[in-house]
Amino acid sequence: MTLHEGRAVSRRTVLRRTGAGLGLAALGAGAWGCGPVEDPGAAGPSASSAPSAPEGTPSGGAFTTPPPGTAPGPLWQRPTAKGTLGMDALAVAGDVVLVSGDPLVGRDVATGEERWRREEAAVPGAKMLVRGGTLYLASAQYDGDVVGLDPATGRETWRSRLGRRFSQPRTIAADERRVYVLAGILEKDFSVKRNVIAAIDTSTGKVAWQELRDAGTEEYGITAEATGRYLAYTDFRENVTVRDTATGRQLWTKKIGRSNSGRLAVHEELVIVADAGRLRAFALADGAERWSLASEEYTRFHGVGVLDGVLYASDSGHVLRAVDAATGKEGWRTESLLDVAYAGQFAKVGGTLYAATELDDKGGILAFDARNGKLRWRYNDGTKALAQWYVAAAGTRLMALHGERLTALPAV
């Protein structure tokens, strides 16, 4: 970065500008009861007047099922901060919903009311990583710290740092004992040519281990899951890699046919990835391929997720499949997505599967009967914004994020 003529730029300023730039680079039918609600919180982020619930919706959280083919109306809607990016931009922690952005805001899932807000708490594209009652974030001060916030109050409850020679830590996964991060190795000229993957002990805040990654690997575009002894992740360099969570030792790595920057799925002792036109399941322990499932010719798999032992996967042919995650045996498929983009994210409440579509003005939140894949309803907010949809289950409600709008729907 060029220094301003006549004065030096501070280390924090350089890292803040660099982090912001790189972070930005990482990247139904009519409603039942009422139509889309237009930004009820526009008068202010803490507006107390939430939209009325659809007619027939009890306040206690038990909702009436709408007629077949008819989507429920929103319970409430609120505007969100600009700059929401990444597959993990939305999270629910207890009765609070969190959306990545600045300011970072925690809202009540039942009412949409603002519980708390923090300015400059999250870096651009921050992953809403909640484990063990803590939201883990890289410090927005670009000082090498990793912080933990209480999702219920927004108060800082935990802090750790990797050290001054590392920059821009990015949280990628967490388990009961550790939070896992990627961080660049900071050169004297503030450039970053290599990076490390590290584990921080959540009880002490100290680095448990750190491992230098291979030359040419990038510190962005990582999708990761930690489970028991294993940390599994994919990256933009078209690898799937598994490390030992206790030591950081790389157990194995494999090339896959295309970059999987979306979600990988972990089920028991397997890691499952979308590898071009195939779903592939590898043993976490040694990388042995356990099963493989091919899509139709000339199509590629995209979004994957495991819920209650079932793998849900969509492909570029707009087909959604339910697959036994342990065996790879297909249970059902549906072509109800033919006129919209493929589903990229999934949630489940009771016997209903909810899917959030990728960029598509006709997409939205789709509800399927989890037993047979029959489409029950499709919700669209009517904004026609070409922005990715996100969905998360919150008890008997769904949190749906689209563009700069957060919507609560009954999970019916």
Protein backbone atom coordinates (compact mmCIF):
# COMPACT_ATOMS: atom_id res chain seq x y z
CA MET A 1 0.00 0.00 0.00
CA THR A 2 1.31 3.45 -0.87
CA LEU A 3 2.20 5.76 1.99
CA HIS A 4 0.67 9.19 2.00
CA GLU A 5 3.19 11.80 0.98
CA GLY A 6 4.81 13.33 4.04
CA ARG A 7 3.50 10.89 6.65
CA ALA A 8 3.54 7.19 7.47
CA VAL A 9 0.50 4.99 7.71
CA SER A 10 0.06 3.10 10.97
CA ARG A 11 0.09 -0.69 11.11
CA ARG A 12 -3.53 -0.75 12.28
CA THR A 13 -4.64 1.53 9.43
CA VAL A 14 -2.87 -0.65 6.86
CA LEU A 15 -4.43 -3.81 8.22
CA ARG A 16 -7.88 -2.29 8.49
CA ARG A 17 -7.80 -1.18 4.84
CA THR A 18 -6.32 -4.46 3.66
CA GLY A 19 -8.78 -6.50 5.68
CA ALA A 20 -11.77 -4.59 4.41
CA GLY A 21 -10.69 -5.04 0.79
CA LEU A 22 -9.94 -8.74 1.09
CA GLY A 23 -13.02 -9.41 3.16
CA LEU A 24 -15.20 -7.92 0.47
CA ALA A 25 -13.48 -10.13 -2.09
CA ALA A 26 -14.25 -13.32 -0.14
CA LEU A 27 -17.32 -13.92 -1.00
CA GLY A 28 -43.40 -18.27 -3.30
CA ALA A 29 -46.91 -17.85 -3.95
CA GLY A 30 -48.84 -15.03 -2.27
CA ALA A 31 -48.26 -14.83 1.47
CA TRP A 32 -50.88 -16.27 3.78
CA GLY A 33 -52.53 -13.63 5.97
CA CYS A 34 -50.51 -10.65 4.68
CA GLY A 35 -48.10 -9.67 1.95
CA PRO A 36 -44.46 -8.59 2.19
CA VAL A 37 -43.88 -5.97 4.88
CA GLU A 38 -41.93 -2.89 3.81
CA ASP A 39 -39.02 -2.17 6.20
CA PRO A 40 -41.02 -1.61 9.41
CA GLY A 41 -37.82 -0.68 11.24
CA ALA A 42 -36.80 2.01 8.75
CA ALA A 43 -37.53 4.78 11.25
CA GLY A 44 -34.76 3.44 13.47
CA PRO A 45 -32.96 0.23 14.35
CA SER A 46 -34.81 -0.07 17.65
CA ALA A 47 -38.29 0.69 16.33
CA SER A 48 -40.82 -0.81 18.71
CA SER A 49 -43.65 -1.22 16.21
CA ALA A 50 -43.26 -4.69 14.70
CA PRO A 51 -45.60 -5.85 11.92
CA SER A 52 -48.63 -7.74 13.04
CA ALA A 53 -48.49 -11.53 12.85
CA PRO A 54 -50.59 -13.20 10.15
CA GLU A 55 -54.22 -13.68 11.11
CA GLY A 56 -54.65 -16.87 13.12
CA THR A 57 -51.09 -16.83 14.43
CA PRO A 58 -51.04 -17.32 18.22
CA SER A 59 -48.53 -15.20 20.13
CA GLY A 60 -47.19 -18.22 22.01
CA GLY A 61 -45.36 -19.68 19.01
CA ALA A 62 -47.84 -22.38 17.84
CA PHE A 63 -48.75 -21.54 14.27
CA THR A 64 -51.57 -22.61 11.99
CA THR A 65 -50.51 -24.51 8.88
CA PRO A 66 -51.40 -22.56 5.71
CA PRO A 67 -53.26 -24.19 2.82
CA PRO A 68 -51.13 -26.27 0.41
CA GLY A 69 -49.17 -24.11 -2.01
CA THR A 70 -49.59 -20.97 0.10
CA ALA A 71 -46.65 -19.47 1.96
CA PRO A 72 -47.07 -18.04 5.46
CA GLY A 73 -46.80 -14.31 5.92
CA PRO A 74 -43.89 -12.75 7.81
CA LEU A 75 -44.14 -12.41 11.56
CA TRP A 76 -41.79 -9.42 11.46
CA GLN A 77 -39.16 -7.86 9.23
CA ARG A 78 -36.18 -5.65 10.02
CA PRO A 79 -33.49 -3.94 7.92
CA THR A 80 -29.92 -5.21 8.32
CA ALA A 81 -26.49 -3.65 7.99
CA LYS A 82 -24.91 -3.41 4.56
CA GLY A 83 -22.08 -5.70 3.58
CA THR A 84 -23.52 -9.08 4.57
CA LEU A 85 -21.38 -11.78 2.90
CA GLY A 86 -20.60 -15.47 3.22
CA MET A 87 -22.48 -18.72 3.79
CA ASP A 88 -22.45 -18.21 7.56
CA ALA A 89 -23.77 -14.66 7.69
CA LEU A 90 -26.85 -15.73 9.72
CA ALA A 91 -26.96 -17.55 13.05
CA VAL A 92 -29.39 -18.24 15.88
CA ALA A 93 -28.14 -18.53 19.46
CA GLY A 94 -30.91 -19.35 21.91
CA ASP A 95 -33.58 -16.68 21.43
CA VAL A 96 -31.29 -14.22 19.65
CA VAL A 97 -30.68 -13.96 15.90
CA LEU A 98 -27.38 -12.56 14.58
CA VAL A 99 -26.58 -11.16 11.14
CA SER A 100 -23.02 -10.45 10.00
CA GLY A 101 -22.43 -6.76 9.38
CA ASP A 102 -21.46 -3.46 10.94
CA PRO A 103 -22.97 -2.62 13.33
CA LEU A 104 -23.38 -6.14 14.70
CA VAL A 105 -26.89 -6.47 16.13
CA GLY A 106 -28.55 -9.15 18.25
CA ARG A 107 -32.35 -9.33 17.84
CA ASP A 108 -35.07 -11.19 19.70
CA VAL A 109 -36.27 -14.03 17.47
CA ALA A 110 -39.87 -13.68 18.65
CA THR A 111 -40.32 -9.95 18.20
CA GLY A 112 -37.42 -8.69 16.08
CA GLU A 113 -36.63 -6.12 18.75
CA GLU A 114 -33.03 -5.10 19.12
CA ARG A 115 -31.39 -6.65 22.20
CA TRP A 116 -27.95 -5.11 21.67
CA ARG A 117 -25.63 -3.61 19.08
CA ARG A 118 -21.88 -3.14 18.77
CA GLU A 119 -20.16 -0.82 16.35
CA GLU A 120 -16.99 -2.07 14.63
CA ALA A 121 -17.30 -5.51 16.20
CA ALA A 122 -17.10 -7.64 13.05
CA VAL A 123 -14.72 -7.50 10.08
CA PRO A 124 -16.25 -7.56 6.56
CA GLY A 125 -17.64 -11.01 5.76
CA ALA A 126 -17.34 -12.21 9.39
CA LYS A 127 -18.63 -15.71 9.99
CA MET A 128 -21.32 -15.93 12.69
CA LEU A 129 -19.61 -18.84 14.46
CA VAL A 130 -21.42 -19.72 17.69
CA ARG A 131 -20.25 -22.64 19.84
CA GLY A 132 -20.76 -23.34 23.52
CA GLY A 133 -22.73 -20.16 24.03
CA THR A 134 -20.03 -17.89 22.59
CA LEU A 135 -19.83 -15.98 19.30
CA TYR A 136 -16.22 -16.08 18.09
CA LEU A 137 -14.98 -13.23 15.89
CA ALA A 138 -11.74 -11.78 14.65
CA SER A 139 -11.21 -8.38 16.24
CA ALA A 140 -12.39 -5.56 14.00
CA GLN A 141 -9.45 -3.51 15.27
CA TYR A 142 -7.10 -5.66 13.15
CA ASP A 143 -4.82 -6.14 16.15
CA GLY A 144 -4.39 -9.92 15.87
CA ASP A 145 -6.95 -10.66 18.59
CA VAL A 146 -9.79 -13.16 18.46
CA VAL A 147 -12.71 -12.22 20.70
CA GLY A 148 -15.72 -14.01 22.14
CA LEU A 149 -19.07 -12.31 22.67
CA ASP A 150 -22.10 -13.40 24.67
CA PRO A 151 -24.83 -13.68 21.99
CA ALA A 152 -27.51 -12.78 24.54
CA THR A 153 -25.96 -9.46 25.56
CA GLY A 154 -23.20 -8.64 23.06
CA ARG A 155 -20.70 -8.30 25.92
CA GLU A 156 -17.14 -9.45 25.37
CA THR A 157 -16.44 -12.53 27.51
CA TRP A 158 -13.24 -13.91 25.98
CA ARG A 159 -10.14 -12.72 24.14
CA SER A 160 -7.01 -14.28 22.68
CA ARG A 161 -4.30 -13.31 20.23
CA LEU A 162 -2.00 -15.21 17.91
CA GLY A 163 0.91 -12.80 18.19
CA ARG A 164 2.16 -9.72 16.39
CA ARG A 165 3.71 -11.57 13.47
CA PHE A 166 0.29 -12.86 12.38
CA SER A 167 -2.41 -10.72 10.80
CA GLN A 168 -6.12 -10.81 10.10
CA PRO A 169 -7.12 -14.03 11.86
CA ARG A 170 -10.30 -15.56 10.43
CA THR A 171 -12.40 -17.95 12.49
CA ILE A 172 -13.29 -21.03 10.46
CA ALA A 173 -14.61 -23.60 12.96
CA ALA A 174 -14.98 -24.37 16.66
CA ASP A 175 -15.76 -27.26 18.97
CA GLU A 176 -16.17 -27.71 22.72
CA ARG A 177 -12.48 -27.04 23.44
CA ARG A 178 -11.01 -24.94 20.66
CA VAL A 179 -11.65 -22.28 18.07
CA TYR A 180 -9.80 -22.73 14.76
CA VAL A 181 -8.47 -19.81 12.75
CA LEU A 182 -6.51 -18.95 9.64
CA ALA A 183 -4.03 -16.09 9.84
CA GLY A 184 -1.55 -14.53 7.44
CA ILE A 185 2.14 -14.28 8.31
CA LEU A 186 2.83 -10.56 8.38
CA GLU A 187 5.97 -9.45 6.55
CA LYS A 188 7.88 -6.29 7.43
CA ASP A 189 6.28 -4.44 4.53
CA PHE A 190 2.81 -5.55 5.75
CA SER A 191 2.46 -8.03 2.87
CA VAL A 192 1.17 -11.55 3.45
CA LYS A 193 2.71 -14.38 1.40
CA ARG A 194 2.11 -17.41 3.67
CA ASN A 195 -0.50 -18.33 6.23
CA VAL A 196 -1.03 -20.65 9.17
CA ILE A 197 -3.93 -22.64 10.52
CA ALA A 198 -4.11 -22.55 14.31
CA ALA A 199 -6.16 -23.80 17.23
CA ILE A 200 -6.85 -21.62 20.26
CA ASP A 201 -7.80 -23.22 23.58
CA THR A 202 -11.12 -21.69 24.62
CA SER A 203 -10.44 -22.17 28.35
CA THR A 204 -7.02 -20.48 28.45
CA GLY A 205 -7.06 -18.30 25.33
CA LYS A 206 -3.64 -19.66 24.39
CA VAL A 207 -2.60 -21.11 21.04
CA ALA A 208 -2.73 -24.90 21.33
CA TRP A 209 -1.00 -25.44 17.98
CA GLN A 210 -0.24 -23.70 14.71
CA GLU A 211 0.75 -25.23 11.39
CA LEU A 212 2.21 -23.50 8.35
CA ARG A 213 0.11 -24.18 5.27
CA ASP A 214 1.61 -25.08 1.90
CA ALA A 215 2.91 -22.29 -0.32
CA GLY A 216 0.23 -21.08 -2.71
CA THR A 217 -2.69 -21.79 -0.41
CA GLU A 218 -4.99 -18.89 0.34
CA GLU A 219 -6.40 -17.73 3.64
CA TYR A 220 -9.85 -17.08 2.18
CA GLY A 221 -12.51 -19.32 0.68
CA ILE A 222 -12.27 -21.89 3.48
CA THR A 223 -15.24 -24.02 4.47
CA ALA A 224 -14.58 -26.03 7.63
CA GLU A 225 -16.17 -28.29 10.24
CA ALA A 226 -14.67 -29.58 13.49
CA THR A 227 -15.92 -32.83 14.97
CA GLY A 228 -14.20 -34.89 17.64
CA ARG A 229 -10.63 -35.67 16.54
CA TYR A 230 -11.00 -34.10 13.10
CA LEU A 231 -10.93 -30.68 11.47
CA ALA A 232 -12.06 -30.97 7.85
CA TYR A 233 -11.97 -28.14 5.32
CA THR A 234 -12.06 -27.33 1.61
CA ASP A 235 -10.47 -24.33 -0.11
CA PHE A 236 -10.25 -22.35 -3.34
CA ARG A 237 -7.26 -24.48 -4.42
CA GLU A 238 -9.60 -27.45 -4.91
CA ASN A 239 -8.47 -29.49 -1.92
CA VAL A 240 -10.26 -31.31 0.85
CA THR A 241 -8.02 -31.66 3.91
CA VAL A 242 -8.37 -33.23 7.35
CA ARG A 243 -6.22 -32.43 10.40
CA ASP A 244 -5.97 -33.85 13.90
CA THR A 245 -7.69 -31.38 16.24
CA ALA A 246 -5.37 -32.29 19.13
CA THR A 247 -2.06 -31.68 17.35
CA GLY A 248 -2.79 -29.91 14.06
CA ARG A 249 -1.06 -32.70 12.13
CA GLN A 250 -2.37 -33.11 8.59
CA LEU A 251 -3.88 -36.57 8.31
CA TRP A 252 -4.60 -36.44 4.60
CA THR A 253 -5.52 -34.18 1.71
CA LYS A 254 -7.06 -34.86 -1.69
CA LYS A 255 -7.67 -32.94 -4.87
CA ILE A 256 -11.29 -32.55 -5.89
CA GLY A 257 -12.50 -31.74 -9.37
CA ARG A 258 -13.66 -28.19 -8.70
CA SER A 259 -13.35 -25.57 -6.01
CA ASN A 260 -15.90 -26.23 -3.28
CA SER A 261 -16.36 -22.82 -1.71
CA GLY A 262 -19.81 -23.78 -0.44
CA ARG A 263 -20.59 -26.08 2.42
CA LEU A 264 -19.03 -29.44 3.08
CA ALA A 265 -20.99 -31.87 5.24
CA VAL A 266 -19.80 -34.06 8.10
CA HIS A 267 -21.73 -37.12 9.26
CA GLU A 268 -20.36 -39.39 11.96
CA GLU A 269 -17.00 -40.60 10.58
CA LEU A 270 -17.45 -39.17 7.07
CA VAL A 271 -16.78 -35.87 5.32
CA ILE A 272 -18.95 -35.33 2.23
CA VAL A 273 -18.09 -32.86 -0.54
CA ALA A 274 -19.57 -31.78 -3.84
CA ASP A 275 -16.94 -32.71 -6.43
CA ALA A 276 -18.23 -31.41 -9.78
CA GLY A 277 -20.87 -33.95 -10.90
CA ARG A 278 -20.40 -36.28 -7.93
CA LEU A 279 -21.05 -36.34 -4.24
CA ARG A 280 -18.10 -38.05 -2.55
CA ALA A 281 -17.87 -39.31 1.00
CA PHE A 282 -14.41 -39.85 2.56
CA ALA A 283 -13.48 -41.45 5.85
CA LEU A 284 -12.28 -38.75 8.22
CA ALA A 285 -9.61 -41.04 9.64
CA ASP A 286 -7.70 -41.92 6.46
CA GLY A 287 -9.39 -40.35 3.42
CA ALA A 288 -10.66 -43.64 2.01
CA GLU A 289 -13.60 -43.06 -0.31
CA ARG A 290 -16.70 -44.72 1.19
CA TRP A 291 -19.28 -43.88 -1.43
CA SER A 292 -19.92 -41.72 -4.49
CA LEU A 293 -23.13 -40.54 -6.12
CA ALA A 294 -23.27 -39.04 -9.63
CA SER A 295 -25.63 -36.32 -10.83
CA GLU A 296 -27.13 -36.22 -14.30
CA GLU A 297 -24.79 -35.63 -17.26
CA TYR A 298 -23.50 -32.05 -17.61
CA THR A 299 -24.73 -31.03 -14.14
CA ARG A 300 -22.77 -30.17 -11.00
CA PHE A 301 -23.64 -30.46 -7.35
CA HIS A 302 -23.76 -27.26 -5.32
CA GLY A 303 -25.34 -26.86 -1.88
CA VAL A 304 -25.04 -29.78 0.57
CA GLY A 305 -26.11 -30.23 4.18
CA VAL A 306 -26.76 -33.08 6.62
CA LEU A 307 -29.79 -32.91 8.91
CA ASP A 308 -30.93 -35.85 11.07
CA GLY A 309 -28.68 -38.26 9.17
CA VAL A 310 -30.00 -37.26 5.74
CA LEU A 311 -27.82 -35.48 3.18
CA TYR A 312 -29.67 -32.88 1.13
CA ALA A 313 -27.95 -31.81 -2.08
CA SER A 314 -28.95 -29.63 -5.02
CA ASP A 315 -27.39 -29.50 -8.47
CA SER A 316 -27.11 -27.15 -11.43
CA GLY A 317 -29.97 -29.04 -13.10
CA HIS A 318 -32.18 -27.69 -10.28
CA VAL A 319 -32.78 -31.14 -8.81
CA LEU A 320 -32.88 -31.56 -5.03
CA ARG A 321 -31.99 -34.97 -3.56
CA ALA A 322 -32.32 -36.61 -0.16
CA VAL A 323 -29.52 -39.15 0.36
CA ASP A 324 -28.66 -41.50 3.21
CA ALA A 325 -25.52 -39.82 4.52
CA ALA A 326 -24.01 -43.10 5.73
CA THR A 327 -24.46 -45.14 2.53
CA GLY A 328 -25.01 -42.69 -0.34
CA LYS A 329 -28.33 -44.33 -1.23
CA GLU A 330 -30.77 -41.86 -2.74
CA GLY A 331 -34.09 -41.62 -0.92
CA TRP A 332 -35.99 -39.14 -3.09
CA ARG A 333 -35.46 -36.38 -5.62
CA THR A 334 -37.58 -33.46 -6.68
CA GLU A 335 -37.47 -31.14 -9.69
CA SER A 336 -39.58 -28.46 -8.02
CA LEU A 337 -36.63 -26.06 -8.32
CA LEU A 338 -36.70 -26.04 -12.12
CA ASP A 339 -37.87 -22.43 -12.42
CA VAL A 340 -35.60 -21.02 -9.69
CA ALA A 341 -31.95 -21.17 -8.66
CA TYR A 342 -30.62 -24.18 -6.83
CA ALA A 343 -30.83 -24.39 -3.06
CA GLY A 344 -27.64 -23.46 -1.23
CA GLN A 345 -28.55 -23.85 2.45
CA PHE A 346 -30.95 -26.01 4.46
CA ALA A 347 -32.79 -26.09 7.80
CA LYS A 348 -35.30 -28.53 9.23
CA VAL A 349 -38.11 -28.21 11.76
CA GLY A 350 -40.18 -31.30 12.49
CA GLY A 351 -41.09 -33.03 9.25
CA THR A 352 -40.42 -30.04 7.00
CA LEU A 353 -37.22 -29.26 5.14
CA TYR A 354 -36.54 -25.60 4.38
CA ALA A 355 -34.18 -24.56 1.58
CA ALA A 356 -32.73 -21.12 0.85
CA THR A 357 -31.97 -20.45 -2.81
CA GLU A 358 -28.96 -18.80 -4.38
CA LEU A 359 -29.17 -15.62 -6.50
CA ASP A 360 -32.62 -15.55 -8.07
CA ASP A 361 -35.45 -13.01 -7.97
CA LYS A 362 -37.95 -15.89 -8.16
CA GLY A 363 -36.32 -17.91 -5.40
CA GLY A 364 -36.62 -17.50 -1.66
CA ILE A 365 -37.37 -19.92 1.15
CA LEU A 366 -38.88 -23.21 -0.03
CA ALA A 367 -40.64 -25.71 2.23
CA PHE A 368 -40.59 -29.43 1.35
CA ASP A 369 -42.15 -32.46 2.97
CA ALA A 370 -38.99 -34.14 4.30
CA ARG A 371 -40.51 -37.61 3.76
CA ASN A 372 -40.95 -37.39 -0.02
CA GLY A 373 -39.63 -34.04 -1.25
CA LYS A 374 -43.03 -32.63 -2.18
CA LEU A 375 -42.92 -28.84 -2.39
CA ARG A 376 -45.34 -27.33 0.13
CA TRP A 377 -44.80 -23.60 -0.37
CA ARG A 378 -42.37 -20.93 -1.52
CA TYR A 379 -41.86 -17.59 0.21
CA ASN A 380 -40.43 -14.58 -1.63
CA ASP A 381 -40.24 -11.08 -0.14
CA GLY A 382 -41.14 -9.40 -3.43
CA THR A 383 -38.07 -7.17 -3.53
CA LYS A 384 -36.67 -8.80 -6.70
CA ALA A 385 -33.20 -8.33 -5.24
CA LEU A 386 -30.60 -10.61 -6.85
CA ALA A 387 -29.12 -11.54 -3.49
CA GLN A 388 -28.49 -14.87 -1.86
CA TRP A 389 -31.03 -16.17 0.64
CA TYR A 390 -30.09 -17.61 4.05
CA VAL A 391 -32.25 -19.60 6.47
CA ALA A 392 -31.84 -20.73 10.08
CA ALA A 393 -34.25 -22.55 12.39
CA ALA A 394 -35.22 -20.81 15.65
CA GLY A 395 -37.59 -23.10 17.53
CA THR A 396 -40.98 -22.80 15.85
CA ARG A 397 -39.77 -19.92 13.69
CA LEU A 398 -37.49 -19.48 10.69
CA MET A 399 -35.04 -16.64 10.30
CA ALA A 400 -34.69 -15.69 6.61
CA LEU A 401 -32.05 -13.23 5.39
CA HIS A 402 -32.17 -11.67 1.93
CA GLY A 403 -30.22 -8.62 0.82
CA GLU A 404 -30.56 -6.07 3.60
CA ARG A 405 -33.70 -7.55 5.13
CA LEU A 406 -34.21 -10.06 7.94
CA THR A 407 -37.59 -11.82 8.05
CA ALA A 408 -39.15 -14.09 10.65
CA LEU A 409 -41.50 -16.77 9.31
CA PRO A 410 -43.52 -19.39 11.15
CA ALA A 411 -42.00 -22.85 10.64
CA VAL A 412 -45.15 -24.44 9.25
